Structure formats: structure tokens, C-alpha cells
N, C-alpha and C. Protein backbone atom coordinates (compact mmCIF):
# COMPACT_ATOMS: atom_id res chain seq x y z
N MET A 1 -36.52 72.23 53.48
CA MET A 1 -37.00 71.79 54.45
C MET A 1 -38.06 70.53 53.72
N SER A 2 -38.06 68.97 54.45
CA SER A 2 -38.47 67.99 53.80
C SER A 2 -40.13 68.44 53.63
N GLU A 3 -40.30 67.61 53.00
CA GLU A 3 -42.21 67.70 52.48
C GLU A 3 -42.70 67.00 53.32
N ALA A 4 -43.73 67.32 53.28
CA ALA A 4 -44.69 66.80 54.45
C ALA A 4 -45.36 65.42 53.37
N LYS A 5 -45.32 64.04 54.17
CA LYS A 5 -46.00 63.06 53.24
C LYS A 5 -47.32 63.45 53.31
N ALA A 6 -48.15 62.77 52.17
CA ALA A 6 -49.27 63.23 52.04
C ALA A 6 -49.61 61.58 52.96
N LYS A 7 -51.29 62.20 53.33
CA LYS A 7 -52.01 61.40 54.41
C LYS A 7 -52.44 59.54 53.79
N LYS A 8 -52.26 58.89 54.16
CA LYS A 8 -52.60 57.47 53.77
C LYS A 8 -54.07 57.56 53.28
N VAL A 9 -54.75 57.38 52.51
CA VAL A 9 -56.33 57.12 52.19
C VAL A 9 -56.48 55.60 52.04
N ARG A 10 -57.46 54.95 52.95
CA ARG A 10 -58.04 53.74 53.04
C ARG A 10 -58.94 53.31 51.91
N LYS A 11 -58.90 52.23 51.44
CA LYS A 11 -59.60 51.92 50.32
C LYS A 11 -60.84 51.55 51.06
N PRO A 12 -61.66 52.06 49.90
CA PRO A 12 -63.63 52.06 50.89
C PRO A 12 -63.29 50.41 51.19
N GLN A 13 -64.38 50.05 52.19
CA GLN A 13 -64.95 49.11 52.26
C GLN A 13 -66.38 48.63 51.58
N PRO A 14 -66.96 47.57 51.21
CA PRO A 14 -67.86 47.83 50.94
C PRO A 14 -69.08 47.35 52.08
N GLU A 15 -70.35 47.82 52.19
CA GLU A 15 -71.04 47.71 53.29
C GLU A 15 -71.37 46.32 53.59
N GLU A 16 -71.58 45.40 52.92
CA GLU A 16 -71.61 44.45 53.15
C GLU A 16 -70.75 43.67 54.08
N GLU A 17 -69.30 43.93 53.25
CA GLU A 17 -68.53 43.33 53.80
C GLU A 17 -67.91 44.01 55.47
N TYR A 18 -68.11 45.08 55.95
CA TYR A 18 -68.50 46.03 56.80
C TYR A 18 -69.39 44.86 57.82
N ILE A 19 -70.74 45.04 57.41
CA ILE A 19 -71.73 44.31 58.21
C ILE A 19 -71.12 42.98 58.60
N ARG A 20 -70.47 41.97 57.60
CA ARG A 20 -70.50 40.62 57.90
C ARG A 20 -69.25 40.54 59.18
N GLN A 21 -68.32 41.75 58.69
CA GLN A 21 -67.14 41.59 59.79
C GLN A 21 -67.76 42.23 61.44
N ARG A 22 -68.87 42.81 61.46
CA ARG A 22 -69.14 43.43 62.46
C ARG A 22 -69.98 42.30 62.94
N ASP A 23 -71.06 41.46 62.29
CA ASP A 23 -71.92 40.68 62.82
C ASP A 23 -70.81 39.54 63.68
N GLU A 24 -69.63 39.10 63.24
CA GLU A 24 -68.75 38.42 63.21
C GLU A 24 -68.28 38.34 64.43
N PHE A 25 -67.56 39.92 64.73
CA PHE A 25 -66.97 40.33 65.89
C PHE A 25 -68.17 40.25 67.10
N LYS A 26 -69.27 40.83 66.76
CA LYS A 26 -70.37 40.33 68.14
C LYS A 26 -70.44 39.07 68.20
N GLN A 27 -70.30 38.02 67.08
CA GLN A 27 -70.78 36.67 67.50
C GLN A 27 -69.38 35.75 68.41
N VAL A 28 -68.52 36.36 67.82
CA VAL A 28 -67.20 35.52 68.37
C VAL A 28 -66.53 36.33 69.44
N GLY A 29 -66.24 37.55 69.50
CA GLY A 29 -65.60 38.73 70.37
C GLY A 29 -63.86 38.72 69.73
N PRO A 30 -63.37 39.59 70.44
CA PRO A 30 -62.11 39.55 70.59
C PRO A 30 -61.35 38.63 70.45
N THR A 31 -59.92 38.34 69.80
CA THR A 31 -59.16 37.19 69.98
C THR A 31 -58.26 37.50 71.17
N ILE A 32 -58.16 36.49 72.20
CA ILE A 32 -57.40 36.85 73.48
C ILE A 32 -56.67 35.96 73.65
N ASN A 33 -55.49 36.81 73.62
CA ASN A 33 -53.76 35.99 73.24
C ASN A 33 -53.49 35.36 74.51
N THR A 34 -54.28 34.46 74.90
CA THR A 34 -53.45 33.27 76.20
C THR A 34 -51.92 32.79 75.93
N ASP A 35 -51.43 31.97 76.86
CA ASP A 35 -50.46 31.27 76.55
C ASP A 35 -50.80 30.47 75.03
N GLY A 36 -51.97 29.81 74.82
CA GLY A 36 -51.86 28.85 73.94
C GLY A 36 -52.80 28.92 72.43
N TRP A 37 -52.98 30.76 72.57
CA TRP A 37 -53.63 30.97 71.94
C TRP A 37 -53.22 30.62 70.25
N LEU A 38 -51.92 30.39 69.88
CA LEU A 38 -51.60 29.84 68.74
C LEU A 38 -51.64 28.53 68.04
N GLU A 39 -51.81 28.02 69.26
CA GLU A 39 -52.06 26.63 68.99
C GLU A 39 -53.49 25.77 68.92
N ASN A 40 -54.44 26.84 69.13
CA ASN A 40 -55.62 26.56 69.30
C ASN A 40 -56.01 25.47 68.31
N ASP A 41 -57.47 25.12 68.34
CA ASP A 41 -57.85 24.41 67.03
C ASP A 41 -57.40 24.64 65.59
N TRP A 42 -56.60 24.19 65.26
CA TRP A 42 -56.58 24.55 63.53
C TRP A 42 -57.36 24.07 62.72
N ASN A 43 -58.23 23.04 62.86
CA ASN A 43 -59.29 22.96 62.09
C ASN A 43 -60.50 23.51 62.02
N ALA A 44 -60.53 24.83 62.99
CA ALA A 44 -61.32 25.55 62.77
C ALA A 44 -61.03 27.12 62.32
N LEU A 45 -59.56 26.98 61.80
CA LEU A 45 -59.13 27.98 61.39
C LEU A 45 -59.67 28.12 59.47
N ASP A 46 -60.04 29.26 59.04
CA ASP A 46 -60.31 29.37 57.94
C ASP A 46 -59.35 30.03 56.79
N PRO A 47 -58.69 29.48 55.94
CA PRO A 47 -57.73 29.67 55.35
C PRO A 47 -58.05 31.05 53.94
N GLU A 48 -59.19 31.12 53.90
CA GLU A 48 -59.84 32.30 53.71
C GLU A 48 -59.35 33.80 54.08
N ARG A 49 -59.74 33.75 55.26
CA ARG A 49 -59.55 34.82 56.24
C ARG A 49 -58.03 35.36 56.59
N LYS A 50 -57.55 36.34 56.30
CA LYS A 50 -55.95 36.93 56.21
C LYS A 50 -55.76 36.52 57.83
N VAL A 51 -56.69 37.04 59.26
CA VAL A 51 -56.00 36.88 60.56
C VAL A 51 -56.43 35.46 60.77
N ASP A 52 -56.69 34.70 60.23
CA ASP A 52 -56.55 33.35 60.37
C ASP A 52 -55.40 32.97 59.65
N ARG A 53 -54.69 33.30 58.42
CA ARG A 53 -53.71 33.16 57.72
C ARG A 53 -52.57 33.55 58.47
N VAL A 54 -52.47 34.64 59.26
CA VAL A 54 -51.49 35.30 60.09
C VAL A 54 -51.44 34.47 61.08
N ARG A 55 -52.03 33.83 61.94
CA ARG A 55 -52.29 33.11 63.11
C ARG A 55 -51.20 32.14 63.02
N MET A 56 -51.47 31.52 61.79
CA MET A 56 -50.86 30.06 61.33
C MET A 56 -49.29 30.57 61.24
N LEU A 57 -48.60 31.84 60.48
CA LEU A 57 -47.69 31.82 60.35
C LEU A 57 -46.62 32.68 61.43
N HIS A 58 -47.56 33.12 62.95
CA HIS A 58 -47.28 33.22 64.03
C HIS A 58 -47.34 32.25 64.77
N ALA A 59 -48.06 31.21 64.78
CA ALA A 59 -47.42 29.95 65.19
C ALA A 59 -46.09 29.08 64.86
N CYS A 60 -45.69 29.15 63.41
CA CYS A 60 -44.70 28.72 62.82
C CYS A 60 -43.58 29.45 63.52
N GLU A 61 -43.49 30.71 63.43
CA GLU A 61 -42.43 31.53 63.75
C GLU A 61 -42.14 31.64 65.26
N ARG A 62 -43.10 31.27 65.79
CA ARG A 62 -43.08 31.22 67.52
C ARG A 62 -41.98 30.03 67.78
N ALA A 63 -42.56 28.89 66.89
CA ALA A 63 -41.57 27.51 67.13
C ALA A 63 -40.28 27.57 66.64
N TYR A 64 -40.25 28.77 65.71
CA TYR A 64 -38.81 28.63 65.06
C TYR A 64 -37.72 29.32 66.13
N PHE A 65 -38.96 30.61 66.72
CA PHE A 65 -37.82 31.31 67.84
C PHE A 65 -37.61 30.79 68.76
N LEU A 66 -38.34 29.96 69.68
CA LEU A 66 -38.07 28.97 70.74
C LEU A 66 -37.38 27.85 69.86
N ARG A 67 -36.95 27.62 68.99
CA ARG A 67 -35.70 26.86 68.68
C ARG A 67 -36.88 25.13 68.38
N ASP A 68 -37.80 25.10 68.19
CA ASP A 68 -38.57 23.85 68.29
C ASP A 68 -38.32 23.53 66.81
N TRP A 69 -37.23 22.80 66.37
CA TRP A 69 -37.75 22.89 64.87
C TRP A 69 -38.86 21.50 64.37
N GLY A 70 -39.02 20.82 64.73
CA GLY A 70 -39.19 19.56 64.91
C GLY A 70 -41.21 20.08 64.69
N LYS A 71 -41.28 21.00 66.01
CA LYS A 71 -43.00 21.27 65.88
C LYS A 71 -42.89 22.63 64.75
N CYS A 72 -41.98 23.25 64.47
CA CYS A 72 -42.11 24.25 63.52
C CYS A 72 -42.14 23.55 62.38
N LEU A 73 -41.53 22.60 61.63
CA LEU A 73 -41.75 21.80 60.29
C LEU A 73 -43.32 21.25 60.87
N GLU A 74 -43.96 20.72 61.68
CA GLU A 74 -45.15 20.39 62.09
C GLU A 74 -45.78 21.23 61.85
N LEU A 75 -45.86 22.41 62.16
CA LEU A 75 -46.97 23.34 62.15
C LEU A 75 -47.11 23.98 60.29
N ILE A 76 -45.58 23.95 59.96
CA ILE A 76 -45.87 24.43 58.46
C ILE A 76 -46.19 23.55 58.04
N GLN A 77 -45.93 22.78 57.82
CA GLN A 77 -46.65 21.08 56.95
C GLN A 77 -48.33 21.14 57.38
N ARG A 78 -49.13 21.49 58.42
CA ARG A 78 -50.26 22.01 58.58
C ARG A 78 -50.59 22.77 57.67
N THR A 79 -50.20 24.14 58.03
CA THR A 79 -50.44 25.06 57.29
C THR A 79 -49.91 25.20 55.67
N GLU A 80 -49.14 24.43 55.52
CA GLU A 80 -49.25 24.08 53.90
C GLU A 80 -50.45 23.36 53.37
N GLU A 81 -51.10 22.69 54.39
CA GLU A 81 -51.96 21.78 53.98
C GLU A 81 -53.35 22.58 54.22
N LEU A 82 -53.37 23.46 54.72
CA LEU A 82 -54.68 24.10 55.25
C LEU A 82 -54.69 25.10 53.77
N LEU A 83 -53.84 25.64 53.70
CA LEU A 83 -53.42 26.75 52.47
C LEU A 83 -53.52 26.02 51.16
N GLY A 84 -53.26 24.71 51.25
CA GLY A 84 -53.39 23.90 49.68
C GLY A 84 -52.08 24.45 48.89
N VAL A 85 -51.06 24.51 49.60
CA VAL A 85 -49.60 25.01 48.91
C VAL A 85 -49.30 23.64 47.86
N SER A 86 -49.10 24.03 46.93
CA SER A 86 -48.49 23.06 46.06
C SER A 86 -47.41 23.76 45.37
N GLU A 87 -46.53 23.06 44.53
CA GLU A 87 -45.37 23.35 44.02
C GLU A 87 -45.69 24.51 43.07
N ARG A 88 -46.80 24.36 42.61
CA ARG A 88 -47.16 25.42 41.25
C ARG A 88 -47.62 26.57 42.22
N ALA A 89 -48.37 26.47 43.22
CA ALA A 89 -48.63 27.64 44.27
C ALA A 89 -47.44 28.33 44.71
N ILE A 90 -46.33 27.47 44.99
CA ILE A 90 -44.92 28.27 45.55
C ILE A 90 -44.29 28.97 44.17
N GLN A 91 -44.15 28.43 42.81
CA GLN A 91 -44.10 29.66 41.67
C GLN A 91 -44.95 30.33 41.48
N ASP A 92 -45.95 30.16 41.67
CA ASP A 92 -46.82 31.38 40.98
C ASP A 92 -46.45 32.74 42.25
N ALA A 93 -46.71 31.94 43.36
CA ALA A 93 -46.44 33.23 45.02
C ALA A 93 -45.26 33.81 44.60
N THR A 94 -43.99 33.28 43.93
CA THR A 94 -42.68 33.70 44.35
C THR A 94 -42.11 34.37 42.92
N ALA A 95 -43.46 34.23 41.81
CA ALA A 95 -42.76 35.08 40.58
C ALA A 95 -43.87 36.13 40.54
N LEU A 96 -44.71 36.04 41.25
CA LEU A 96 -45.71 37.28 41.43
C LEU A 96 -44.96 38.38 42.55
N LEU A 97 -44.71 38.05 43.46
CA LEU A 97 -43.68 38.69 44.46
C LEU A 97 -42.30 39.35 43.95
N GLU A 98 -41.81 38.67 43.12
CA GLU A 98 -40.50 39.23 42.60
C GLU A 98 -40.86 40.09 41.67
N PHE A 99 -41.99 39.90 40.57
CA PHE A 99 -42.61 41.33 39.69
C PHE A 99 -42.76 42.27 40.25
N LYS A 100 -43.52 41.98 41.40
CA LYS A 100 -44.19 43.21 41.98
C LYS A 100 -43.06 43.85 43.18
N LYS A 101 -42.31 43.15 43.78
CA LYS A 101 -41.06 43.68 44.85
C LYS A 101 -42.10 43.82 45.89
N VAL A 102 -43.46 43.13 46.22
CA VAL A 102 -44.11 43.71 47.30
C VAL A 102 -43.70 43.17 48.78
N ARG A 103 -43.58 44.17 49.51
CA ARG A 103 -43.00 43.75 50.80
C ARG A 103 -44.06 43.08 51.77
N LYS A 104 -45.32 44.36 51.94
CA LYS A 104 -46.53 43.66 52.79
C LYS A 104 -47.69 43.39 52.06
N SER A 105 -48.48 42.18 52.33
CA SER A 105 -49.50 42.22 51.31
C SER A 105 -50.72 41.31 52.26
N ALA A 106 -51.80 41.46 52.07
CA ALA A 106 -53.01 40.08 52.47
C ALA A 106 -52.87 39.01 52.16
N LYS A 107 -52.33 38.95 50.51
CA LYS A 107 -52.71 38.07 49.68
C LYS A 107 -52.02 36.83 49.94
N VAL A 108 -52.65 35.59 49.64
CA VAL A 108 -52.12 34.41 50.22
C VAL A 108 -50.70 34.15 49.70
N GLU A 109 -50.55 34.90 48.40
CA GLU A 109 -48.88 34.24 47.88
C GLU A 109 -48.22 34.85 48.77
N ARG A 110 -48.53 35.91 49.02
CA ARG A 110 -47.10 36.50 50.34
C ARG A 110 -46.96 35.29 51.79
N HIS A 111 -48.19 34.82 52.19
CA HIS A 111 -48.25 34.34 53.51
C HIS A 111 -47.29 32.93 52.81
N ILE A 112 -47.93 32.26 51.70
CA ILE A 112 -47.22 31.26 51.24
C ILE A 112 -45.75 31.22 50.81
N VAL A 113 -44.88 32.47 50.12
CA VAL A 113 -43.44 33.08 50.49
C VAL A 113 -43.32 32.97 51.65
N GLU A 114 -43.97 33.73 52.74
CA GLU A 114 -43.21 33.66 54.42
C GLU A 114 -43.31 32.39 54.61
N LEU A 115 -43.87 31.39 54.33
CA LEU A 115 -44.30 30.34 55.00
C LEU A 115 -42.96 29.38 54.82
N ILE A 116 -42.78 29.71 53.10
CA ILE A 116 -41.47 28.54 52.55
C ILE A 116 -39.87 29.41 53.37
N ASN A 117 -40.12 30.54 53.31
CA ASN A 117 -38.71 31.19 53.83
C ASN A 117 -38.42 30.67 55.32
N ILE A 118 -39.56 30.49 56.02
CA ILE A 118 -39.15 29.87 57.54
C ILE A 118 -38.80 28.25 57.50
N LYS A 119 -39.54 27.24 56.51
CA LYS A 119 -39.35 26.39 56.44
C LYS A 119 -37.95 26.54 55.68
N GLU A 120 -37.28 27.05 54.75
CA GLU A 120 -35.92 26.90 54.44
C GLU A 120 -35.01 27.52 55.67
N ARG A 121 -35.24 28.19 56.59
CA ARG A 121 -34.69 28.44 57.83
C ARG A 121 -34.46 27.51 58.33
N VAL A 122 -35.45 26.70 58.76
CA VAL A 122 -35.52 25.75 59.58
C VAL A 122 -34.72 24.85 59.51
N LEU A 123 -34.94 24.72 58.01
CA LEU A 123 -34.09 23.03 57.45
C LEU A 123 -32.47 23.53 57.42
N LYS A 124 -32.38 24.69 57.05
CA LYS A 124 -30.82 25.13 57.41
C LYS A 124 -30.39 25.32 58.67
N ARG A 125 -31.06 25.55 59.74
CA ARG A 125 -30.58 25.42 61.12
C ARG A 125 -30.31 24.19 61.76
N MET A 126 -31.37 23.19 61.15
CA MET A 126 -31.34 21.78 61.60
C MET A 126 -30.02 20.98 60.78
N GLU A 127 -29.74 21.30 59.63
CA GLU A 127 -28.47 21.15 59.22
C GLU A 127 -26.95 21.84 59.97
N GLN A 128 -27.31 22.68 60.21
CA GLN A 128 -26.02 23.29 61.04
C GLN A 128 -25.80 22.77 62.69
N GLU A 129 -26.73 21.96 63.40
CA GLU A 129 -26.99 21.63 64.45
C GLU A 129 -26.50 19.98 64.21
């Protein structure tokens, strides 16, 4: 018989962080995924918030999926600007992730690596066409 996996234990969240998130949700409400929800005002996105970073990545991935290479590269460039991506940041993120072998993470480094991977795939597709 196979052994049962131990139940995953969540990291405790500080009370202040819970209150901040709760108050923010009460002010803003839930994210409604309308047709243009990914392309909304990028100036209002906060690169410090995981939710906003993931939203940026999803917009890039959607443009890639739709084979809109020009728009995808434009979104990648805007995301790089918002995240403050530099060559040094790319090297640091790549080195960190290769060392840790992390698959999923809320860390900015992981999002930078995902963004660079999308960019490389777009450029490769553009060369092929």
C-alpha cells in the first residue's frame, strides 16, 4: 500500500498582513475577468504585489497564445520596465532558480525568468515565420 502524503501546512500570515489584504479587498473588491481585464491600465499595477505580477505575465502569455508577436513583445517590454528588469537581475534570477530548482514561486526572480522564457519563445517564433 502507498503511504498517505502528509497534509501541507500553510505558513502563518502575520495579523497586520491579513488586515491589510482584507481592507484592500473591501475597498477594491474581487477582480472581474472581463474581455479586457489583462490589458487594463498597467500604470496602476504594483510590481511588489504577486497578483499584479502574475496579471502582467498572463497578458504576455495570452498575446503569445494568440500569436500576436508584436503585442507580446510590447507587453514584455512594459513588464520589464515595471519590474525593473536589467541584465544583472536576469542573471541573478536565473542563477538563483538554477541553484534552488524551484518550479513555482511568488518571488520576483521566478517571474523574471518566466518573462524571459516567453520573450525567447516569441523571438524564436518570429524567426521561423
